[in-house]
mmCIF file of all heavy atoms, coordinates in Angstrom:
data_MODEL
# 
_entry.id   MODEL 
# 
loop_
_atom_site.group_PDB 
_atom_site.id 
_atom_site.type_symbol 
_atom_site.label_atom_id 
_atom_site.label_alt_id 
_atom_site.label_comp_id 
_atom_site.label_asym_id 
_atom_site.label_entity_id 
_atom_site.label_seq_id 
_atom_site.pdbx_PDB_ins_code 
_atom_site.Cartn_x 
_atom_site.Cartn_y 
_atom_site.Cartn_z 
_atom_site.occupancy 
_atom_site.B_iso_or_equiv 
_atom_site.pdbx_formal_charge 
_atom_site.auth_seq_id 
_atom_site.auth_comp_id 
_atom_site.auth_asym_id 
_atom_site.auth_atom_id 
_atom_site.pdbx_PDB_model_num 
ATOM 1   N N   . VAL A 1 1  ? -65.827 31.357 -34.989 1.00 0.00 ? 1  VAL A N   1 
ATOM 2   C CA  . VAL A 1 1  ? -64.824 30.879 -34.024 1.00 0.00 ? 1  VAL A CA  1 
ATOM 3   C C   . VAL A 1 1  ? -65.561 30.110 -32.934 1.00 0.00 ? 1  VAL A C   1 
ATOM 4   O O   . VAL A 1 1  ? -66.407 30.667 -32.234 1.00 0.00 ? 1  VAL A O   1 
ATOM 5   C CB  . VAL A 1 1  ? -64.025 32.039 -33.416 1.00 0.00 ? 1  VAL A CB  1 
ATOM 6   C CG1 . VAL A 1 1  ? -63.088 31.536 -32.325 1.00 0.00 ? 1  VAL A CG1 1 
ATOM 7   C CG2 . VAL A 1 1  ? -63.233 32.763 -34.499 1.00 0.00 ? 1  VAL A CG2 1 
ATOM 8   N N   . THR A 1 2  ? -65.258 28.829 -32.806 1.00 0.00 ? 2  THR A N   1 
ATOM 9   C CA  . THR A 1 2  ? -65.965 27.997 -31.826 1.00 0.00 ? 2  THR A CA  1 
ATOM 10  C C   . THR A 1 2  ? -65.262 27.962 -30.473 1.00 0.00 ? 2  THR A C   1 
ATOM 11  O O   . THR A 1 2  ? -65.858 27.516 -29.491 1.00 0.00 ? 2  THR A O   1 
ATOM 12  C CB  . THR A 1 2  ? -66.126 26.562 -32.348 1.00 0.00 ? 2  THR A CB  1 
ATOM 13  O OG1 . THR A 1 2  ? -64.832 26.032 -32.659 1.00 0.00 ? 2  THR A OG1 1 
ATOM 14  C CG2 . THR A 1 2  ? -66.985 26.550 -33.605 1.00 0.00 ? 2  THR A CG2 1 
ATOM 15  N N   . GLY A 1 3  ? -64.021 28.417 -30.403 1.00 0.00 ? 3  GLY A N   1 
ATOM 16  C CA  . GLY A 1 3  ? -63.364 28.459 -29.107 1.00 0.00 ? 3  GLY A CA  1 
ATOM 17  C C   . GLY A 1 3  ? -61.860 28.610 -29.193 1.00 0.00 ? 3  GLY A C   1 
ATOM 18  O O   . GLY A 1 3  ? -61.263 28.517 -30.272 1.00 0.00 ? 3  GLY A O   1 
ATOM 19  N N   . VAL A 1 4  ? -61.267 28.872 -28.039 1.00 0.00 ? 4  VAL A N   1 
ATOM 20  C CA  . VAL A 1 4  ? -59.811 28.960 -27.889 1.00 0.00 ? 4  VAL A CA  1 
ATOM 21  C C   . VAL A 1 4  ? -59.292 27.560 -27.560 1.00 0.00 ? 4  VAL A C   1 
ATOM 22  O O   . VAL A 1 4  ? -59.755 26.935 -26.608 1.00 0.00 ? 4  VAL A O   1 
ATOM 23  C CB  . VAL A 1 4  ? -59.443 29.949 -26.765 1.00 0.00 ? 4  VAL A CB  1 
ATOM 24  C CG1 . VAL A 1 4  ? -57.937 29.936 -26.502 1.00 0.00 ? 4  VAL A CG1 1 
ATOM 25  C CG2 . VAL A 1 4  ? -59.919 31.349 -27.108 1.00 0.00 ? 4  VAL A CG2 1 
ATOM 26  N N   . VAL A 1 5  ? -58.331 27.053 -28.339 1.00 0.00 ? 5  VAL A N   1 
ATOM 27  C CA  . VAL A 1 5  ? -57.800 25.712 -28.078 1.00 0.00 ? 5  VAL A CA  1 
ATOM 28  C C   . VAL A 1 5  ? -56.393 25.743 -27.483 1.00 0.00 ? 5  VAL A C   1 
ATOM 29  O O   . VAL A 1 5  ? -55.946 24.743 -26.920 1.00 0.00 ? 5  VAL A O   1 
ATOM 30  C CB  . VAL A 1 5  ? -57.802 24.845 -29.358 1.00 0.00 ? 5  VAL A CB  1 
ATOM 31  C CG1 . VAL A 1 5  ? -59.220 24.606 -29.845 1.00 0.00 ? 5  VAL A CG1 1 
ATOM 32  C CG2 . VAL A 1 5  ? -56.951 25.461 -30.460 1.00 0.00 ? 5  VAL A CG2 1 
ATOM 33  N N   . ALA A 1 6  ? -55.698 26.869 -27.611 1.00 0.00 ? 6  ALA A N   1 
ATOM 34  C CA  . ALA A 1 6  ? -54.374 27.005 -27.001 1.00 0.00 ? 6  ALA A CA  1 
ATOM 35  C C   . ALA A 1 6  ? -54.118 28.475 -26.734 1.00 0.00 ? 6  ALA A C   1 
ATOM 36  O O   . ALA A 1 6  ? -54.464 29.332 -27.545 1.00 0.00 ? 6  ALA A O   1 
ATOM 37  C CB  . ALA A 1 6  ? -53.280 26.419 -27.896 1.00 0.00 ? 6  ALA A CB  1 
ATOM 38  N N   . ASP A 1 7  ? -53.496 28.740 -25.599 1.00 0.00 ? 7  ASP A N   1 
ATOM 39  C CA  . ASP A 1 7  ? -53.384 30.101 -25.083 1.00 0.00 ? 7  ASP A CA  1 
ATOM 40  C C   . ASP A 1 7  ? -51.994 30.263 -24.473 1.00 0.00 ? 7  ASP A C   1 
ATOM 41  O O   . ASP A 1 7  ? -51.620 29.509 -23.576 1.00 0.00 ? 7  ASP A O   1 
ATOM 42  C CB  . ASP A 1 7  ? -54.479 30.303 -24.032 1.00 0.00 ? 7  ASP A CB  1 
ATOM 43  C CG  . ASP A 1 7  ? -54.411 31.654 -23.338 1.00 0.00 ? 7  ASP A CG  1 
ATOM 44  O OD1 . ASP A 1 7  ? -53.614 32.504 -23.751 1.00 0.00 ? 7  ASP A OD1 1 
ATOM 45  O OD2 . ASP A 1 7  ? -55.170 31.841 -22.373 1.00 0.00 ? 7  ASP A OD2 1 
ATOM 46  N N   . ASP A 1 8  ? -51.220 31.233 -24.968 1.00 0.00 ? 8  ASP A N   1 
ATOM 47  C CA  . ASP A 1 8  ? -49.899 31.495 -24.412 1.00 0.00 ? 8  ASP A CA  1 
ATOM 48  C C   . ASP A 1 8  ? -49.830 32.960 -23.998 1.00 0.00 ? 8  ASP A C   1 
ATOM 49  O O   . ASP A 1 8  ? -49.462 33.828 -24.787 1.00 0.00 ? 8  ASP A O   1 
ATOM 50  C CB  . ASP A 1 8  ? -48.812 31.182 -25.442 1.00 0.00 ? 8  ASP A CB  1 
ATOM 51  C CG  . ASP A 1 8  ? -47.417 31.271 -24.860 1.00 0.00 ? 8  ASP A CG  1 
ATOM 52  O OD1 . ASP A 1 8  ? -47.249 31.862 -23.775 1.00 0.00 ? 8  ASP A OD1 1 
ATOM 53  O OD2 . ASP A 1 8  ? -46.466 30.768 -25.497 1.00 0.00 ? 8  ASP A OD2 1 
ATOM 54  N N   . PRO A 1 9  ? -50.236 33.280 -22.751 1.00 0.00 ? 9  PRO A N   1 
ATOM 55  C CA  . PRO A 1 9  ? -50.250 34.682 -22.325 1.00 0.00 ? 9  PRO A CA  1 
ATOM 56  C C   . PRO A 1 9  ? -48.869 35.316 -22.277 1.00 0.00 ? 9  PRO A C   1 
ATOM 57  O O   . PRO A 1 9  ? -48.730 36.518 -22.486 1.00 0.00 ? 9  PRO A O   1 
ATOM 58  C CB  . PRO A 1 9  ? -50.875 34.618 -20.926 1.00 0.00 ? 9  PRO A CB  1 
ATOM 59  C CG  . PRO A 1 9  ? -50.689 33.212 -20.473 1.00 0.00 ? 9  PRO A CG  1 
ATOM 60  C CD  . PRO A 1 9  ? -50.727 32.363 -21.706 1.00 0.00 ? 9  PRO A CD  1 
ATOM 61  N N   . ALA A 1 10 ? -47.834 34.522 -22.020 1.00 0.00 ? 10 ALA A N   1 
ATOM 62  C CA  . ALA A 1 10 ? -46.489 35.082 -21.927 1.00 0.00 ? 10 ALA A CA  1 
ATOM 63  C C   . ALA A 1 10 ? -45.998 35.600 -23.267 1.00 0.00 ? 10 ALA A C   1 
ATOM 64  O O   . ALA A 1 10 ? -45.182 36.520 -23.325 1.00 0.00 ? 10 ALA A O   1 
ATOM 65  C CB  . ALA A 1 10 ? -45.521 34.031 -21.380 1.00 0.00 ? 10 ALA A CB  1 
ATOM 66  N N   . ARG A 1 11 ? -46.500 35.020 -24.359 1.00 0.00 ? 11 ARG A N   1 
ATOM 67  C CA  . ARG A 1 11 ? -46.014 35.406 -25.690 1.00 0.00 ? 11 ARG A CA  1 
ATOM 68  C C   . ARG A 1 11 ? -47.114 36.000 -26.561 1.00 0.00 ? 11 ARG A C   1 
ATOM 69  O O   . ARG A 1 11 ? -46.909 36.235 -27.747 1.00 0.00 ? 11 ARG A O   1 
ATOM 70  C CB  . ARG A 1 11 ? -45.389 34.186 -26.374 1.00 0.00 ? 11 ARG A CB  1 
ATOM 71  C CG  . ARG A 1 11 ? -44.152 33.691 -25.639 1.00 0.00 ? 11 ARG A CG  1 
ATOM 72  C CD  . ARG A 1 11 ? -43.608 32.400 -26.215 1.00 0.00 ? 11 ARG A CD  1 
ATOM 73  N NE  . ARG A 1 11 ? -42.407 31.994 -25.523 1.00 0.00 ? 11 ARG A NE  1 
ATOM 74  C CZ  . ARG A 1 11 ? -42.384 31.311 -24.381 1.00 0.00 ? 11 ARG A CZ  1 
ATOM 75  N NH1 . ARG A 1 11 ? -43.518 30.971 -23.812 1.00 0.00 ? 11 ARG A NH1 1 
ATOM 76  N NH2 . ARG A 1 11 ? -41.249 30.985 -23.801 1.00 0.00 ? 11 ARG A NH2 1 
ATOM 77  N N   . ASP A 1 12 ? -48.295 36.220 -25.977 1.00 0.00 ? 12 ASP A N   1 
ATOM 78  C CA  . ASP A 1 12 ? -49.396 36.887 -26.682 1.00 0.00 ? 12 ASP A CA  1 
ATOM 79  C C   . ASP A 1 12 ? -49.869 36.091 -27.900 1.00 0.00 ? 12 ASP A C   1 
ATOM 80  O O   . ASP A 1 12 ? -50.110 36.648 -28.971 1.00 0.00 ? 12 ASP A O   1 
ATOM 81  C CB  . ASP A 1 12 ? -48.968 38.310 -27.098 1.00 0.00 ? 12 ASP A CB  1 
ATOM 82  C CG  . ASP A 1 12 ? -50.148 39.186 -27.488 1.00 0.00 ? 12 ASP A CG  1 
ATOM 83  O OD1 . ASP A 1 12 ? -51.300 38.830 -27.167 1.00 0.00 ? 12 ASP A OD1 1 
ATOM 84  O OD2 . ASP A 1 12 ? -49.920 40.216 -28.145 1.00 0.00 ? 12 ASP A OD2 1 
ATOM 85  N N   . LEU A 1 13 ? -50.039 34.783 -27.726 1.00 0.00 ? 13 LEU A N   1 
ATOM 86  C CA  . LEU A 1 13 ? -50.427 33.921 -28.844 1.00 0.00 ? 13 LEU A CA  1 
ATOM 87  C C   . LEU A 1 13 ? -51.699 33.146 -28.523 1.00 0.00 ? 13 LEU A C   1 
ATOM 88  O O   . LEU A 1 13 ? -51.936 32.769 -27.374 1.00 0.00 ? 13 LEU A O   1 
ATOM 89  C CB  . LEU A 1 13 ? -49.308 32.916 -29.155 1.00 0.00 ? 13 LEU A CB  1 
ATOM 90  C CG  . LEU A 1 13 ? -47.950 33.493 -29.564 1.00 0.00 ? 13 LEU A CG  1 
ATOM 91  C CD1 . LEU A 1 13 ? -46.931 32.368 -29.717 1.00 0.00 ? 13 LEU A CD1 1 
ATOM 92  C CD2 . LEU A 1 13 ? -48.057 34.284 -30.847 1.00 0.00 ? 13 LEU A CD2 1 
ATOM 93  N N   . LEU A 1 14 ? -52.501 32.898 -29.560 1.00 0.00 ? 14 LEU A N   1 
ATOM 94  C CA  . LEU A 1 14 ? -53.703 32.080 -29.439 1.00 0.00 ? 14 LEU A CA  1 
ATOM 95  C C   . LEU A 1 14 ? -53.817 31.156 -30.641 1.00 0.00 ? 14 LEU A C   1 
ATOM 96  O O   . LEU A 1 14 ? -53.417 31.516 -31.758 1.00 0.00 ? 14 LEU A O   1 
ATOM 97  C CB  . LEU A 1 14 ? -54.972 32.949 -29.421 1.00 0.00 ? 14 LEU A CB  1 
ATOM 98  C CG  . LEU A 1 14 ? -55.466 33.604 -28.147 1.00 0.00 ? 14 LEU A CG  1 
ATOM 99  C CD1 . LEU A 1 14 ? -56.814 34.249 -28.422 1.00 0.00 ? 14 LEU A CD1 1 
ATOM 100 C CD2 . LEU A 1 14 ? -55.560 32.617 -27.005 1.00 0.00 ? 14 LEU A CD2 1 
ATOM 101 N N   . LEU A 1 15 ? -54.404 29.986 -30.397 1.00 0.00 ? 15 LEU A N   1 
ATOM 102 C CA  . LEU A 1 15 ? -54.901 29.137 -31.470 1.00 0.00 ? 15 LEU A CA  1 
ATOM 103 C C   . LEU A 1 15 ? -56.408 29.000 -31.289 1.00 0.00 ? 15 LEU A C   1 
ATOM 104 O O   . LEU A 1 15 ? -56.883 28.749 -30.187 1.00 0.00 ? 15 LEU A O   1 
ATOM 105 C CB  . LEU A 1 15 ? -54.247 27.748 -31.439 1.00 0.00 ? 15 LEU A CB  1 
ATOM 106 C CG  . LEU A 1 15 ? -52.788 27.640 -31.858 1.00 0.00 ? 15 LEU A CG  1 
ATOM 107 C CD1 . LEU A 1 15 ? -52.321 26.184 -31.751 1.00 0.00 ? 15 LEU A CD1 1 
ATOM 108 C CD2 . LEU A 1 15 ? -52.580 28.136 -33.291 1.00 0.00 ? 15 LEU A CD2 1 
ATOM 109 N N   . LEU A 1 16 ? -57.140 29.162 -32.393 1.00 0.00 ? 16 LEU A N   1 
ATOM 110 C CA  . LEU A 1 16 ? -58.596 29.140 -32.361 1.00 0.00 ? 16 LEU A CA  1 
ATOM 111 C C   . LEU A 1 16 ? -59.137 27.983 -33.184 1.00 0.00 ? 16 LEU A C   1 
ATOM 112 O O   . LEU A 1 16 ? -58.587 27.651 -34.240 1.00 0.00 ? 16 LEU A O   1 
ATOM 113 C CB  . LEU A 1 16 ? -59.152 30.449 -32.931 1.00 0.00 ? 16 LEU A CB  1 
ATOM 114 C CG  . LEU A 1 16 ? -58.677 31.747 -32.276 1.00 0.00 ? 16 LEU A CG  1 
ATOM 115 C CD1 . LEU A 1 16 ? -59.205 32.948 -33.051 1.00 0.00 ? 16 LEU A CD1 1 
ATOM 116 C CD2 . LEU A 1 16 ? -59.109 31.810 -30.816 1.00 0.00 ? 16 LEU A CD2 1 
ATOM 117 N N   . ALA A 1 17 ? -60.229 27.400 -32.697 1.00 0.00 ? 17 ALA A N   1 
ATOM 118 C CA  . ALA A 1 17 ? -60.984 26.428 -33.479 1.00 0.00 ? 17 ALA A CA  1 
ATOM 119 C C   . ALA A 1 17 ? -62.055 27.176 -34.269 1.00 0.00 ? 17 ALA A C   1 
ATOM 120 O O   . ALA A 1 17 ? -62.686 28.102 -33.758 1.00 0.00 ? 17 ALA A O   1 
ATOM 121 C CB  . ALA A 1 17 ? -61.631 25.389 -32.570 1.00 0.00 ? 17 ALA A CB  1 
ATOM 122 N N   . VAL A 1 18 ? -62.250 26.760 -35.521 1.00 0.00 ? 18 VAL A N   1 
ATOM 123 C CA  . VAL A 1 18 ? -63.139 27.484 -36.430 1.00 0.00 ? 18 VAL A CA  1 
ATOM 124 C C   . VAL A 1 18 ? -64.104 26.505 -37.080 1.00 0.00 ? 18 VAL A C   1 
ATOM 125 O O   . VAL A 1 18 ? -63.731 25.368 -37.412 1.00 0.00 ? 18 VAL A O   1 
ATOM 126 C CB  . VAL A 1 18 ? -62.312 28.214 -37.516 1.00 0.00 ? 18 VAL A CB  1 
ATOM 127 C CG1 . VAL A 1 18 ? -63.218 28.943 -38.487 1.00 0.00 ? 18 VAL A CG1 1 
ATOM 128 C CG2 . VAL A 1 18 ? -61.345 29.193 -36.872 1.00 0.00 ? 18 VAL A CG2 1 
ATOM 129 N N   . ARG A 1 19 ? -65.345 26.945 -37.250 1.00 0.00 ? 19 ARG A N   1 
ATOM 130 C CA  . ARG A 1 19 ? -66.330 26.143 -37.985 1.00 0.00 ? 19 ARG A CA  1 
ATOM 131 C C   . ARG A 1 19 ? -66.648 26.842 -39.307 1.00 0.00 ? 19 ARG A C   1 
ATOM 132 O O   . ARG A 1 19 ? -67.158 27.957 -39.326 1.00 0.00 ? 19 ARG A O   1 
ATOM 133 C CB  . ARG A 1 19 ? -67.616 25.972 -37.169 1.00 0.00 ? 19 ARG A CB  1 
ATOM 134 C CG  . ARG A 1 19 ? -68.652 25.086 -37.874 1.00 0.00 ? 19 ARG A CG  1 
ATOM 135 C CD  . ARG A 1 19 ? -69.894 24.875 -37.019 1.00 0.00 ? 19 ARG A CD  1 
ATOM 136 N NE  . ARG A 1 19 ? -70.615 26.120 -36.769 1.00 0.00 ? 19 ARG A NE  1 
ATOM 137 C CZ  . ARG A 1 19 ? -70.683 26.738 -35.588 1.00 0.00 ? 19 ARG A CZ  1 
ATOM 138 N NH1 . ARG A 1 19 ? -70.063 26.220 -34.541 1.00 0.00 ? 19 ARG A NH1 1 
ATOM 139 N NH2 . ARG A 1 19 ? -71.346 27.856 -35.440 1.00 0.00 ? 19 ARG A NH2 1 
ATOM 140 N N   . MET A 1 20 ? -66.316 26.171 -40.410 1.00 0.00 ? 20 MET A N   1 
ATOM 141 C CA  . MET A 1 20 ? -66.583 26.727 -41.731 1.00 0.00 ? 20 MET A CA  1 
ATOM 142 C C   . MET A 1 20 ? -68.069 26.561 -42.078 1.00 0.00 ? 20 MET A C   1 
ATOM 143 O O   . MET A 1 20 ? -68.712 25.610 -41.626 1.00 0.00 ? 20 MET A O   1 
ATOM 144 C CB  . MET A 1 20 ? -65.724 26.032 -42.773 1.00 0.00 ? 20 MET A CB  1 
ATOM 145 C CG  . MET A 1 20 ? -64.228 26.151 -42.541 1.00 0.00 ? 20 MET A CG  1 
ATOM 146 S SD  . MET A 1 20 ? -63.642 27.851 -42.694 1.00 0.00 ? 20 MET A SD  1 
ATOM 147 C CE  . MET A 1 20 ? -63.921 28.128 -44.456 1.00 0.00 ? 20 MET A CE  1 
ATOM 148 N N   . PRO A 1 21 ? -68.622 27.478 -42.857 1.00 0.00 ? 21 PRO A N   1 
ATOM 149 C CA  . PRO A 1 21 ? -70.039 27.349 -43.233 1.00 0.00 ? 21 PRO A CA  1 
ATOM 150 C C   . PRO A 1 21 ? -70.281 26.112 -44.090 1.00 0.00 ? 21 PRO A C   1 
ATOM 151 O O   . PRO A 1 21 ? -69.416 25.698 -44.876 1.00 0.00 ? 21 PRO A O   1 
ATOM 152 C CB  . PRO A 1 21 ? -70.311 28.641 -44.015 1.00 0.00 ? 21 PRO A CB  1 
ATOM 153 C CG  . PRO A 1 21 ? -68.975 29.120 -44.467 1.00 0.00 ? 21 PRO A CG  1 
ATOM 154 C CD  . PRO A 1 21 ? -67.996 28.685 -43.423 1.00 0.00 ? 21 PRO A CD  1 
ATOM 155 N N   . ASP A 1 22 ? -71.448 25.497 -43.900 1.00 0.00 ? 22 ASP A N   1 
ATOM 156 C CA  . ASP A 1 22 ? -71.862 24.331 -44.692 1.00 0.00 ? 22 ASP A CA  1 
ATOM 157 C C   . ASP A 1 22 ? -70.932 23.136 -44.536 1.00 0.00 ? 22 ASP A C   1 
ATOM 158 O O   . ASP A 1 22 ? -70.894 22.246 -45.394 1.00 0.00 ? 22 ASP A O   1 
ATOM 159 C CB  . ASP A 1 22 ? -71.986 24.690 -46.183 1.00 0.00 ? 22 ASP A CB  1 
ATOM 160 C CG  . ASP A 1 22 ? -72.962 25.834 -46.421 1.00 0.00 ? 22 ASP A CG  1 
ATOM 161 O OD1 . ASP A 1 22 ? -73.977 25.874 -45.692 1.00 0.00 ? 22 ASP A OD1 1 
ATOM 162 O OD2 . ASP A 1 22 ? -72.710 26.672 -47.291 1.00 0.00 ? 22 ASP A OD2 1 
ATOM 163 N N   . GLY A 1 23 ? -70.141 23.134 -43.453 1.00 0.00 ? 23 GLY A N   1 
ATOM 164 C CA  . GLY A 1 23 ? -69.278 21.992 -43.205 1.00 0.00 ? 23 GLY A CA  1 
ATOM 165 C C   . GLY A 1 23 ? -68.113 21.850 -44.158 1.00 0.00 ? 23 GLY A C   1 
ATOM 166 O O   . GLY A 1 23 ? -67.504 20.775 -44.240 1.00 0.00 ? 23 GLY A O   1 
ATOM 167 N N   . THR A 1 24 ? -67.779 22.894 -44.902 1.00 0.00 ? 24 THR A N   1 
ATOM 168 C CA  . THR A 1 24 ? -66.656 22.825 -45.844 1.00 0.00 ? 24 THR A CA  1 
ATOM 169 C C   . THR A 1 24 ? -65.337 22.741 -45.080 1.00 0.00 ? 24 THR A C   1 
ATOM 170 O O   . THR A 1 24 ? -65.242 23.115 -43.908 1.00 0.00 ? 24 THR A O   1 
ATOM 171 C CB  . THR A 1 24 ? -66.643 24.051 -46.759 1.00 0.00 ? 24 THR A CB  1 
ATOM 172 O OG1 . THR A 1 24 ? -66.632 25.247 -45.949 1.00 0.00 ? 24 THR A OG1 1 
ATOM 173 C CG2 . THR A 1 24 ? -67.870 24.061 -47.661 1.00 0.00 ? 24 THR A CG2 1 
ATOM 174 N N   . ALA A 1 25 ? -64.313 22.257 -45.754 1.00 0.00 ? 25 ALA A N   1 
ATOM 175 C CA  . ALA A 1 25 ? -62.991 22.144 -45.140 1.00 0.00 ? 25 ALA A CA  1 
ATOM 176 C C   . ALA A 1 25 ? -62.346 23.532 -45.051 1.00 0.00 ? 25 ALA A C   1 
ATOM 177 O O   . ALA A 1 25 ? -62.589 24.392 -45.899 1.00 0.00 ? 25 ALA A O   1 
ATOM 178 C CB  . ALA A 1 25 ? -62.110 21.215 -45.971 1.00 0.00 ? 25 ALA A CB  1 
ATOM 179 N N   . PRO A 1 26 ? -61.537 23.766 -44.024 1.00 0.00 ? 26 PRO A N   1 
ATOM 180 C CA  . PRO A 1 26 ? -60.847 25.058 -43.937 1.00 0.00 ? 26 PRO A CA  1 
ATOM 181 C C   . PRO A 1 26 ? -59.842 25.211 -45.057 1.00 0.00 ? 26 PRO A C   1 
ATOM 182 O O   . PRO A 1 26 ? -59.401 24.222 -45.656 1.00 0.00 ? 26 PRO A O   1 
ATOM 183 C CB  . PRO A 1 26 ? -60.152 24.988 -42.574 1.00 0.00 ? 26 PRO A CB  1 
ATOM 184 C CG  . PRO A 1 26 ? -60.024 23.542 -42.273 1.00 0.00 ? 26 PRO A CG  1 
ATOM 185 C CD  . PRO A 1 26 ? -61.210 22.878 -42.899 1.00 0.00 ? 26 PRO A CD  1 
ATOM 186 N N   . PRO A 1 27 ? -59.475 26.436 -45.384 1.00 0.00 ? 27 PRO A N   1 
ATOM 187 C CA  . PRO A 1 27 ? -58.462 26.653 -46.421 1.00 0.00 ? 27 PRO A CA  1 
ATOM 188 C C   . PRO A 1 27 ? -57.141 25.981 -46.052 1.00 0.00 ? 27 PRO A C   1 
ATOM 189 O O   . PRO A 1 27 ? -56.865 25.722 -44.870 1.00 0.00 ? 27 PRO A O   1 
ATOM 190 C CB  . PRO A 1 27 ? -58.301 28.172 -46.452 1.00 0.00 ? 27 PRO A CB  1 
ATOM 191 C CG  . PRO A 1 27 ? -59.530 28.713 -45.829 1.00 0.00 ? 27 PRO A CG  1 
ATOM 192 C CD  . PRO A 1 27 ? -59.964 27.695 -44.817 1.00 0.00 ? 27 PRO A CD  1 
ATOM 193 N N   . ARG A 1 28 ? -56.353 25.722 -47.047 1.00 0.00 ? 28 ARG A N   1 
ATOM 194 C CA  . ARG A 1 28 ? -55.024 25.154 -46.807 1.00 0.00 ? 28 ARG A CA  1 
ATOM 195 C C   . ARG A 1 28 ? -54.208 26.114 -45.957 1.00 0.00 ? 28 ARG A C   1 
ATOM 196 O O   . ARG A 1 28 ? -54.131 27.308 -46.247 1.00 0.00 ? 28 ARG A O   1 
ATOM 197 C CB  . ARG A 1 28 ? -54.332 24.906 -48.146 1.00 0.00 ? 28 ARG A CB  1 
ATOM 198 C CG  . ARG A 1 28 ? -52.943 24.318 -48.009 1.00 0.00 ? 28 ARG A CG  1 
ATOM 199 C CD  . ARG A 1 28 ? -52.309 24.136 -49.384 1.00 0.00 ? 28 ARG A CD  1 
ATOM 200 N NE  . ARG A 1 28 ? -50.949 23.635 -49.294 1.00 0.00 ? 28 ARG A NE  1 
ATOM 201 C CZ  . ARG A 1 28 ? -50.147 23.485 -50.344 1.00 0.00 ? 28 ARG A CZ  1 
ATOM 202 N NH1 . ARG A 1 28 ? -50.587 23.802 -51.549 1.00 0.00 ? 28 ARG A NH1 1 
ATOM 203 N NH2 . ARG A 1 28 ? -48.931 23.016 -50.188 1.00 0.00 ? 28 ARG A NH2 1 
# 
């Protein structure tokens, strides 16, 4: 996890940025 990109404290939600190993694309 490289960081938090969106944060909604009122609704308890997060979006995270992720770095896959070896530069592969994230899953669908």
